[in-house]
Amino acid sequence: MELRDIEFSYGDRPILKGISLILLKGEKIGLTGPVGAGKTTLAEIVMGFVKPTRGKVIFKGREMVSEEDFHELRRAIGYVFQDADDQLFCPTVFEDIAFGPLNLGLRGRDLEDRVNAILSLLNISYLKDRVTYKLSGGEKRLVSIGAVLAMEPEGLILDEPLNGLDERFSARVEEIIMGLNKTMIIISHDLSFLRRVARRIFKLEGGRLEELHI
């Protein structure tokens, strides 16, 4: 994936000023920076949720232009929202994790096997029939990651995956990230966390992207 000269403004206030980045297959990179720097906006541009003022998103050698292009990209790149409540809307954990594969046409035993495999991978099989909105923040985070992984994406964008988690769940999420052999962009204010999970770290500040030496 490549971002080429991405610019974005809110009204007359520039947020991103010529952001360029190449992400190699299987690479995990960290993205940090102050609040309001535009980290989430940049991730939303990658996913096609927000249109840049200028610049290109290149995926597998092709510029993403139309909604159909970005639909294809979203099939390959899963996005884990900063707030798990924005991602979970089904009555039970099983249904939340099954939602994506169900919409891709998976049914019956294949669907159940897919969901059970994700629950097992994340060690949350005990949550299978639980009501989603009654889960703790840490449990919701694991389920939101599971809902994305159930789509079997090639890569992930995780926006502040440790946000609001206690030490136990933070350690579990970190363990999951390190154990996944997927291309990732991981957004976090926690530099020590990023140093442990990312190969490269970039800081977004003042609309510019700077690689940090770790």
Protein backbone atom coordinates (compact mmCIF):
# COMPACT_ATOMS: atom_id res chain seq x y z
CA MET A 1 0.00 0.00 0.00
CA GLU A 2 1.16 3.53 -0.68
CA LEU A 3 -0.05 6.97 0.35
CA ARG A 4 1.14 9.61 -2.06
CA ASP A 5 1.10 13.33 -1.18
CA ILE A 6 -2.07 13.15 0.91
CA GLU A 7 -3.49 16.52 1.94
CA PHE A 8 -6.62 17.21 3.96
CA SER A 9 -8.21 20.32 5.45
CA TYR A 10 -11.14 21.03 7.73
CA GLY A 11 -12.52 24.12 6.04
CA ASP A 12 -9.53 26.47 5.71
CA ARG A 13 -7.52 24.64 8.41
CA PRO A 14 -4.94 22.24 6.91
CA ILE A 15 -4.60 18.96 8.85
CA LEU A 16 -2.46 16.79 6.56
CA LYS A 17 0.23 18.39 4.40
CA GLY A 18 1.62 16.11 1.75
CA ILE A 19 1.71 12.78 3.61
CA SER A 20 3.53 9.99 1.77
CA LEU A 21 4.08 6.48 3.10
CA ILE A 22 4.82 3.02 1.72
CA LEU A 23 3.64 0.02 3.74
CA LEU A 24 5.17 -3.31 2.79
CA LYS A 25 3.32 -6.61 2.97
CA GLY A 26 3.60 -8.15 6.45
CA GLU A 27 5.02 -4.97 7.98
CA LYS A 28 3.70 -3.54 11.25
CA ILE A 29 4.09 0.22 11.59
CA GLY A 30 3.14 2.50 14.46
CA LEU A 31 1.56 5.93 14.12
CA THR A 32 1.72 8.40 17.00
CA GLY A 33 1.29 12.12 17.53
CA PRO A 34 -0.62 14.66 19.62
CA VAL A 35 -4.39 14.74 19.95
CA GLY A 36 -5.95 16.38 16.90
CA ALA A 37 -2.93 15.78 14.67
CA GLY A 38 -5.01 13.86 12.15
CA LYS A 39 -4.05 10.24 12.86
CA THR A 40 -7.60 8.91 12.71
CA THR A 41 -8.35 11.11 9.71
CA LEU A 42 -5.39 9.60 7.88
CA ALA A 43 -6.65 6.09 8.70
CA GLU A 44 -10.13 7.03 7.47
CA ILE A 45 -8.62 8.31 4.21
CA VAL A 46 -6.86 4.97 3.75
CA MET A 47 -10.19 3.17 4.22
CA GLY A 48 -12.07 5.55 1.92
CA PHE A 49 -14.33 6.87 4.68
CA VAL A 50 -12.95 10.37 4.10
CA LYS A 51 -11.84 11.85 0.80
CA PRO A 52 -8.49 13.70 0.79
CA THR A 53 -8.25 17.24 -0.51
CA ARG A 54 -5.35 16.07 -2.64
CA GLY A 55 -3.24 12.95 -3.10
CA LYS A 56 -3.64 9.26 -3.86
CA VAL A 57 -4.23 5.99 -2.03
CA ILE A 58 -2.50 3.19 -3.95
CA PHE A 59 -3.44 -0.40 -3.11
CA LYS A 60 -1.81 -3.37 -4.83
CA GLY A 61 -0.45 -1.05 -7.49
CA ARG A 62 -3.80 0.58 -8.31
CA GLU A 63 -5.11 3.99 -7.34
CA MET A 64 -8.27 3.82 -5.25
CA VAL A 65 -10.78 6.22 -6.78
CA SER A 66 -14.34 4.91 -6.73
CA GLU A 67 -16.42 3.50 -3.88
CA GLU A 68 -16.12 0.13 -5.61
CA ASP A 69 -12.31 0.42 -5.37
CA PHE A 70 -12.47 1.14 -1.66
CA HIS A 71 -15.00 -1.64 -1.13
CA GLU A 72 -12.36 -4.01 -2.48
CA LEU A 73 -9.73 -2.45 -0.20
CA ARG A 74 -12.00 -2.86 2.84
CA ARG A 75 -12.37 -6.55 2.07
CA ALA A 76 -8.58 -6.84 2.42
CA ILE A 77 -7.93 -4.38 5.26
CA GLY A 78 -9.88 -4.56 8.51
CA TYR A 79 -10.42 -1.43 10.58
CA VAL A 80 -10.67 -1.67 14.38
CA PHE A 81 -12.29 1.51 15.68
CA GLN A 82 -10.98 3.40 18.69
CA ASP A 83 -14.32 2.94 20.47
CA ALA A 84 -15.47 -0.69 20.41
CA ASP A 85 -19.09 0.44 20.83
CA ASP A 86 -18.90 1.94 17.33
CA GLN A 87 -18.21 -1.52 15.95
CA LEU A 88 -20.47 -3.81 17.98
CA PHE A 89 -24.21 -3.63 17.37
CA CYS A 90 -25.58 -7.20 17.42
CA PRO A 91 -27.33 -8.74 20.45
CA THR A 92 -24.68 -11.37 21.21
CA VAL A 93 -20.94 -11.88 20.80
CA PHE A 94 -21.49 -14.76 18.38
CA GLU A 95 -23.69 -12.59 16.17
CA ASP A 96 -21.23 -9.68 16.19
CA ILE A 97 -18.35 -11.90 15.08
CA ALA A 98 -20.57 -13.71 12.55
CA PHE A 99 -21.93 -10.50 11.02
CA GLY A 100 -19.12 -9.89 8.52
CA PRO A 101 -18.73 -13.46 7.25
CA LEU A 102 -22.53 -13.77 7.03
CA ASN A 103 -22.60 -10.77 4.71
CA LEU A 104 -19.91 -12.41 2.60
CA GLY A 105 -22.19 -15.40 2.10
CA LEU A 106 -20.91 -17.81 4.74
CA ARG A 107 -23.66 -19.98 6.17
CA GLY A 108 -24.37 -22.98 8.41
CA ARG A 109 -21.50 -25.07 9.73
CA ASP A 110 -18.89 -23.04 7.85
CA LEU A 111 -20.05 -19.86 9.57
CA GLU A 112 -20.14 -21.50 12.99
CA ASP A 113 -16.66 -22.96 12.49
CA ARG A 114 -15.31 -19.55 11.46
CA VAL A 115 -16.74 -17.84 14.54
CA ASN A 116 -15.60 -20.60 16.90
CA ALA A 117 -12.08 -20.45 15.45
CA ILE A 118 -11.90 -16.71 16.16
CA LEU A 119 -13.29 -17.12 19.67
CA SER A 120 -10.67 -19.79 20.33
CA LEU A 121 -7.85 -17.72 18.83
CA LEU A 122 -8.67 -14.84 21.18
CA ASN A 123 -9.42 -17.09 24.16
CA ILE A 124 -12.93 -15.68 24.51
CA SER A 125 -15.06 -18.76 23.78
CA TYR A 126 -16.70 -18.23 27.19
CA LEU A 127 -18.22 -14.99 25.82
CA LYS A 128 -19.92 -16.67 22.86
CA ASP A 129 -23.52 -16.29 24.04
CA ARG A 130 -23.05 -13.19 26.16
CA VAL A 131 -24.99 -9.99 25.49
CA THR A 132 -22.49 -7.64 23.87
CA TYR A 133 -23.51 -4.38 25.54
CA LYS A 134 -23.06 -5.95 29.00
CA LEU A 135 -19.38 -6.80 28.43
CA SER A 136 -16.50 -4.95 30.07
CA GLY A 137 -14.44 -2.52 28.01
CA GLY A 138 -11.64 -5.04 27.64
CA GLU A 139 -14.02 -7.79 26.56
CA LYS A 140 -15.62 -5.47 24.00
CA ARG A 141 -12.17 -4.67 22.60
CA LEU A 142 -11.39 -8.36 22.09
CA VAL A 143 -14.76 -8.95 20.44
CA SER A 144 -14.29 -5.95 18.12
CA ILE A 145 -10.91 -7.36 17.05
CA GLY A 146 -12.56 -10.75 16.58
CA ALA A 147 -15.31 -9.26 14.41
CA VAL A 148 -12.64 -7.87 12.08
CA LEU A 149 -10.47 -11.00 12.07
CA ALA A 150 -13.52 -13.10 11.16
CA MET A 151 -13.43 -11.39 7.75
CA GLU A 152 -9.96 -12.91 7.24
CA PRO A 153 -8.35 -9.62 6.18
CA GLU A 154 -4.82 -9.39 4.81
CA GLY A 155 -4.09 -6.35 6.95
CA LEU A 156 -5.40 -4.31 9.87
CA ILE A 157 -5.65 -0.72 10.99
CA LEU A 158 -6.02 -0.49 14.77
CA ASP A 159 -6.95 2.93 16.16
CA GLU A 160 -5.79 3.23 19.78
CA PRO A 161 -6.30 -0.48 20.54
CA LEU A 162 -5.32 -0.03 24.21
CA ASN A 163 -7.73 2.86 24.74
CA GLY A 164 -9.47 2.54 28.11
CA LEU A 165 -8.06 -0.94 28.87
CA ASP A 166 -6.63 -2.08 32.18
CA GLU A 167 -3.23 -3.75 32.44
CA ARG A 168 -4.56 -7.27 31.95
CA PHE A 169 -6.49 -6.55 28.77
CA SER A 170 -3.74 -4.27 27.44
CA ALA A 171 -1.29 -7.15 27.75
CA ARG A 172 -3.75 -9.50 26.02
CA VAL A 173 -4.32 -7.13 23.08
CA GLU A 174 -0.58 -6.61 22.72
CA GLU A 175 -0.06 -10.37 22.69
CA ILE A 176 -2.70 -10.76 19.97
CA ILE A 177 -1.13 -8.04 17.80
CA MET A 178 2.31 -9.57 18.11
CA GLY A 179 0.97 -13.02 17.28
CA LEU A 180 -0.83 -12.00 14.08
CA ASN A 181 1.13 -12.36 10.87
CA LYS A 182 -0.59 -9.47 9.12
CA THR A 183 0.27 -6.08 7.71
CA MET A 184 -0.75 -3.43 10.26
CA ILE A 185 -0.99 0.27 10.98
CA ILE A 186 -1.25 0.69 14.75
CA ILE A 187 -2.27 4.11 16.06
CA SER A 188 -1.32 4.84 19.67
CA HIS A 189 -0.08 7.54 22.04
CA ASP A 190 1.85 4.85 23.92
CA LEU A 191 5.36 4.89 22.47
CA SER A 192 6.64 2.06 24.62
CA PHE A 193 3.80 -0.13 23.33
CA LEU A 194 4.55 0.83 19.73
CA ARG A 195 8.24 0.05 20.19
CA ARG A 196 7.30 -3.48 21.24
CA VAL A 197 4.85 -4.24 18.43
CA ALA A 198 5.95 -2.14 15.42
CA ARG A 199 8.87 -2.40 13.06
CA ARG A 200 8.76 1.31 12.23
CA ILE A 201 7.13 4.24 14.03
CA PHE A 202 5.98 7.51 12.49
CA LYS A 203 4.97 10.70 14.27
CA LEU A 204 2.26 12.88 12.78
CA GLU A 205 2.50 16.48 13.92
CA GLY A 206 1.86 19.81 12.27
CA GLY A 207 0.47 18.00 9.25
CA ARG A 208 3.80 16.28 8.54
CA LEU A 209 4.92 12.68 8.99
CA GLU A 210 8.32 11.97 10.52
CA GLU A 211 9.87 8.56 11.05
CA LEU A 212 11.17 8.06 14.58
CA HIS A 213 14.35 6.12 15.24
CA ILE A 214 13.58 3.27 17.66
